[in-house]
Amino acid sequence: MTKVTAQMSVSLDGFYAGPAHTGDGSWMESAEAAGFFRVTRWATDAMAWRERQGFAGGVDDANSEIIAETFAAAGAYVMGRRMFDGGEAPWGEEPPFRAPVFVVTHRPRATLHRDGGTSFTFVTDGIASAIEQARAAAGGKNVAVAGGGTFVRQVLRAGLLDELELHIVPVVLGTGMRLLDTDLDLEEKEGIELVPSRVVHAPDVTHIRYEVTGRAPLLLDDRGRGGGPTAIS
């Protein structure tokens, strides 16, 4: 069954990049980039990631196996326009997706076809429509949310995400762009509940996969008093 999945590298305090770059200087020299590369070093060192980008070398380890597994499971992708705008030039004529990509945007643009099987279709009628189109194109494989972090939150907020995998790097950034931020529009005493389904430990990162079970009122148990859990919503 096709699932909608997302995966993200985050610091121990929950940031996937440094403070958002809004200036005129180079993004590569920005604090946002510094934080981003700090939490993704485990991936850029991995053989499977480097092969997918057309680079040689890399480490063949558990991290590389997870990246290879993630690529193999995806039959189509969805992403936000900011992610596409930042990646269009670096990805070049043969992007690493090798599958249809649906970009959620307010600005129409003709579909782009690239080498290696990647295409970019620009969807102007919302996230749900992009995911529906991606499901149809995925050939029974998963629809992977390619980011960025704000877009992942939008998919989670809309109740469209089935699985979230966090790659938690043992570093504290202190500030930056937080993956699970305050714009999830939760009601008072409500939470989005997840169930861990896999944990893989590596020296430089811990991979935790969660099944997203959805919104629910937060519960307060009775701490052994015998009355059973009591809803506080």
Protein backbone atom coordinates (compact mmCIF):
# COMPACT_ATOMS: atom_id res chain seq x y z
CA MET A 1 0.00 0.00 0.00
CA THR A 2 1.30 3.43 -0.92
CA LYS A 3 2.26 5.49 2.13
CA VAL A 4 3.11 9.17 2.39
CA THR A 5 6.47 9.36 4.13
CA ALA A 6 8.88 12.04 5.25
CA GLN A 7 12.37 11.94 6.69
CA MET A 8 14.46 14.73 8.16
CA SER A 9 17.81 15.19 9.88
CA VAL A 10 17.51 17.21 13.07
CA SER A 11 19.71 18.30 15.94
CA LEU A 12 19.08 17.07 19.46
CA ASP A 13 17.08 20.24 20.12
CA GLY A 14 14.97 19.78 17.00
CA PHE A 15 16.50 22.09 14.35
CA TYR A 16 17.04 20.99 10.75
CA ALA A 17 19.03 24.10 9.78
CA GLY A 18 20.40 27.30 11.27
CA PRO A 19 18.45 30.59 11.34
CA ALA A 20 16.66 31.25 8.03
CA HIS A 21 18.83 33.02 5.48
CA THR A 22 17.11 36.21 4.35
CA GLY A 23 20.04 38.36 3.27
CA ASP A 24 21.69 39.02 -0.06
CA GLY A 25 24.83 36.99 0.58
CA SER A 26 25.60 33.42 -0.42
CA TRP A 27 23.36 30.76 1.14
CA MET A 28 26.38 28.46 1.38
CA GLU A 29 28.06 30.96 3.71
CA SER A 30 24.94 31.54 5.83
CA ALA A 31 24.09 30.36 9.34
CA GLU A 32 21.17 28.43 7.85
CA ALA A 33 23.55 26.39 5.70
CA ALA A 34 25.98 25.84 8.56
CA GLY A 35 23.27 24.27 10.70
CA PHE A 36 21.91 22.24 7.79
CA PHE A 37 25.28 20.73 6.91
CA ARG A 38 26.01 20.09 10.58
CA VAL A 39 23.01 17.75 10.87
CA THR A 40 23.35 16.10 7.45
CA ARG A 41 27.02 15.11 7.53
CA TRP A 42 26.04 11.51 8.26
CA ALA A 43 24.17 11.45 4.93
CA THR A 44 26.70 13.25 2.74
CA ASP A 45 29.41 10.85 3.93
CA ALA A 46 27.32 7.79 2.98
CA MET A 47 28.11 5.81 -0.15
CA ALA A 48 24.45 5.52 -1.22
CA TRP A 49 23.94 9.28 -1.03
CA ARG A 50 27.13 10.03 -2.94
CA GLU A 51 26.31 7.50 -5.64
CA ARG A 52 22.87 9.05 -6.10
CA GLN A 53 24.48 12.48 -6.57
CA GLY A 54 27.01 11.11 -9.06
CA PHE A 55 29.97 11.26 -6.65
CA ALA A 56 32.53 8.57 -5.93
CA GLY A 57 33.52 7.16 -2.56
CA GLY A 58 31.66 7.32 0.70
CA VAL A 59 31.12 5.01 3.65
CA ASP A 60 29.19 1.76 3.19
CA ASP A 61 27.51 1.36 6.58
CA ALA A 62 24.09 1.31 8.25
CA ASN A 63 23.56 4.97 7.35
CA SER A 64 24.19 4.20 3.69
CA GLU A 65 21.77 1.27 3.83
CA ILE A 66 19.02 3.52 5.20
CA ILE A 67 19.56 6.08 2.44
CA ALA A 68 19.48 3.36 -0.23
CA GLU A 69 16.30 1.95 1.30
CA THR A 70 14.67 5.39 1.32
CA PHE A 71 15.44 6.01 -2.36
CA ALA A 72 14.25 2.51 -3.33
CA ALA A 73 10.92 2.89 -1.51
CA ALA A 74 9.92 6.16 -3.21
CA GLY A 75 7.91 6.03 -6.42
CA ALA A 76 7.15 9.77 -6.47
CA TYR A 77 7.96 12.88 -4.47
CA VAL A 78 6.24 16.06 -3.30
CA MET A 79 8.06 19.21 -2.21
CA GLY A 80 7.55 22.90 -1.55
CA ARG A 81 8.53 25.62 -4.00
CA ARG A 82 11.34 26.93 -1.74
CA MET A 83 12.93 23.48 -1.80
CA PHE A 84 12.70 23.35 -5.57
CA ASP A 85 14.04 26.87 -6.06
CA GLY A 86 17.04 26.10 -3.88
CA GLY A 87 17.78 22.79 -5.60
CA GLU A 88 17.05 23.40 -9.27
CA ALA A 89 20.53 24.63 -10.19
CA PRO A 90 22.59 22.30 -7.95
CA TRP A 91 20.63 19.22 -9.08
CA GLY A 92 21.52 19.95 -12.69
CA GLU A 93 20.29 17.96 -15.66
CA GLU A 94 20.13 14.65 -13.78
CA PRO A 95 18.55 15.23 -10.34
CA PRO A 96 18.81 12.46 -7.72
CA PHE A 97 15.08 11.66 -7.56
CA ARG A 98 14.76 9.50 -10.71
CA ALA A 99 10.97 9.67 -10.33
CA PRO A 100 8.12 12.16 -10.79
CA VAL A 101 8.29 15.15 -8.42
CA PHE A 102 5.25 17.33 -7.68
CA VAL A 103 6.07 20.86 -6.52
CA VAL A 104 3.40 22.76 -4.56
CA THR A 105 3.44 26.39 -5.64
CA HIS A 106 1.35 29.48 -6.34
CA ARG A 107 3.31 30.18 -9.54
CA PRO A 108 2.38 28.06 -12.58
CA ARG A 109 5.16 26.63 -14.70
CA ALA A 110 5.34 24.01 -17.43
CA THR A 111 6.46 20.53 -16.38
CA LEU A 112 10.24 20.09 -16.50
CA HIS A 113 11.67 16.79 -17.73
CA ARG A 114 15.18 15.89 -16.69
CA ASP A 115 17.55 13.02 -17.38
CA GLY A 116 17.37 9.85 -15.31
CA GLY A 117 13.56 9.75 -15.07
CA THR A 118 13.01 12.89 -12.97
CA SER A 119 10.19 15.27 -13.88
CA PHE A 120 8.95 18.33 -11.97
CA THR A 121 5.22 19.05 -12.17
CA PHE A 122 4.07 22.32 -10.61
CA VAL A 123 0.81 22.00 -8.69
CA THR A 124 -1.12 25.18 -7.94
CA ASP A 125 -4.22 23.76 -6.21
CA GLY A 126 -2.71 22.65 -2.91
CA ILE A 127 -0.91 19.91 -1.02
CA ALA A 128 -3.74 17.36 -1.14
CA SER A 129 -3.87 17.61 -4.93
CA ALA A 130 -0.09 17.20 -5.22
CA ILE A 131 -0.16 14.10 -3.02
CA GLU A 132 -3.07 12.64 -4.96
CA GLN A 133 -1.18 13.13 -8.24
CA ALA A 134 1.97 11.66 -6.70
CA ARG A 135 0.06 8.57 -5.52
CA ALA A 136 -1.18 8.01 -9.04
CA ALA A 137 2.36 8.30 -10.39
CA ALA A 138 4.10 6.24 -7.70
CA GLY A 139 3.36 2.83 -9.19
CA GLY A 140 2.47 1.31 -5.82
CA LYS A 141 5.58 2.65 -4.11
CA ASN A 142 5.61 5.37 -1.45
CA VAL A 143 5.10 9.09 -1.92
CA ALA A 144 8.08 10.77 -0.25
CA VAL A 145 7.84 14.32 1.09
CA ALA A 146 11.16 15.81 0.03
CA GLY A 147 10.92 18.98 2.11
CA GLY A 148 11.72 21.46 3.25
CA GLY A 149 10.83 21.45 6.93
CA THR A 150 7.98 23.94 6.69
CA PHE A 151 6.41 21.84 3.96
CA VAL A 152 6.76 18.65 6.03
CA ARG A 153 4.84 20.41 8.83
CA GLN A 154 2.13 21.44 6.39
CA VAL A 155 1.65 17.82 5.30
CA LEU A 156 1.61 16.67 8.93
CA ARG A 157 -0.83 19.43 9.91
CA ALA A 158 -3.16 18.41 7.07
CA GLY A 159 -3.28 14.83 8.37
CA LEU A 160 -1.74 13.47 5.16
CA LEU A 161 1.50 11.99 6.56
CA ASP A 162 1.63 8.26 7.33
CA GLU A 163 5.26 7.88 8.38
CA LEU A 164 7.96 10.19 9.72
CA GLU A 165 11.60 9.18 10.09
CA LEU A 166 13.88 11.43 12.12
CA HIS A 167 17.65 11.19 11.86
CA ILE A 168 18.67 12.66 15.21
CA VAL A 169 22.22 13.98 15.32
CA PRO A 170 23.89 14.41 18.75
CA VAL A 171 24.50 18.14 18.50
CA VAL A 172 22.72 21.11 20.07
CA LEU A 173 22.35 24.06 17.68
CA GLY A 174 20.54 26.34 20.14
CA THR A 175 18.63 28.21 17.45
CA GLY A 176 17.52 27.86 13.86
CA MET A 177 14.70 26.40 11.81
CA ARG A 178 12.78 23.94 13.96
CA LEU A 179 11.09 20.98 12.30
CA LEU A 180 8.16 20.58 14.71
CA ASP A 181 7.31 24.21 15.36
CA THR A 182 4.30 26.07 16.71
CA ASP A 183 2.35 26.34 13.43
CA LEU A 184 0.79 22.86 13.57
CA ASP A 185 -2.54 24.45 14.56
CA LEU A 186 -3.26 22.05 17.41
CA GLU A 187 -6.32 22.62 19.52
CA GLU A 188 -5.93 23.18 23.25
CA LYS A 189 -5.03 19.90 24.98
CA GLU A 190 -4.52 18.15 21.63
CA GLY A 191 -1.47 16.37 20.27
CA ILE A 192 -0.37 14.52 17.15
CA GLU A 193 0.47 10.99 18.24
CA LEU A 194 3.15 8.78 16.70
CA VAL A 195 4.26 5.22 17.35
CA PRO A 196 7.95 4.28 16.98
CA SER A 197 8.28 1.38 14.55
CA ARG A 198 12.08 1.17 14.12
CA VAL A 199 15.21 2.49 15.80
CA VAL A 200 18.67 2.16 14.25
CA HIS A 201 21.68 3.39 16.21
CA ALA A 202 24.88 4.62 14.59
CA PRO A 203 27.79 6.46 16.20
CA ASP A 204 26.93 9.80 14.61
CA VAL A 205 23.13 9.62 14.29
CA THR A 206 20.09 7.72 15.59
CA HIS A 207 17.38 6.87 13.06
CA ILE A 208 13.86 6.65 14.50
CA ARG A 209 10.91 5.77 12.28
CA TYR A 210 7.41 6.68 13.49
CA GLU A 211 3.98 5.71 12.25
CA VAL A 212 1.72 8.76 12.47
CA THR A 213 -1.54 7.79 14.17
CA GLY A 214 -3.12 11.25 14.09
CA ARG A 215 -4.55 13.94 16.31
CA ALA A 216 -5.95 13.03 19.70
CA PRO A 217 -6.79 14.75 22.99
CA LEU A 218 -3.96 14.57 25.48
CA LEU A 219 -4.58 12.12 28.33
CA LEU A 220 -3.51 12.30 31.95
CA ASP A 221 -3.24 8.92 33.66
CA ASP A 222 -4.06 8.44 37.31
CA ARG A 223 -0.49 7.49 38.30
CA GLY A 224 -1.55 4.18 39.87
CA ARG A 225 -4.54 5.38 41.85
CA GLY A 226 -6.74 2.77 40.18
CA GLY A 227 -9.20 5.04 38.43
CA GLY A 228 -7.82 4.52 34.93
CA PRO A 229 -6.76 7.22 32.47
CA THR A 230 -8.71 10.43 32.55
CA ALA A 231 -9.13 12.66 29.50
CA ILE A 232 -8.34 16.29 30.23
CA SER A 233 -9.74 17.63 26.98
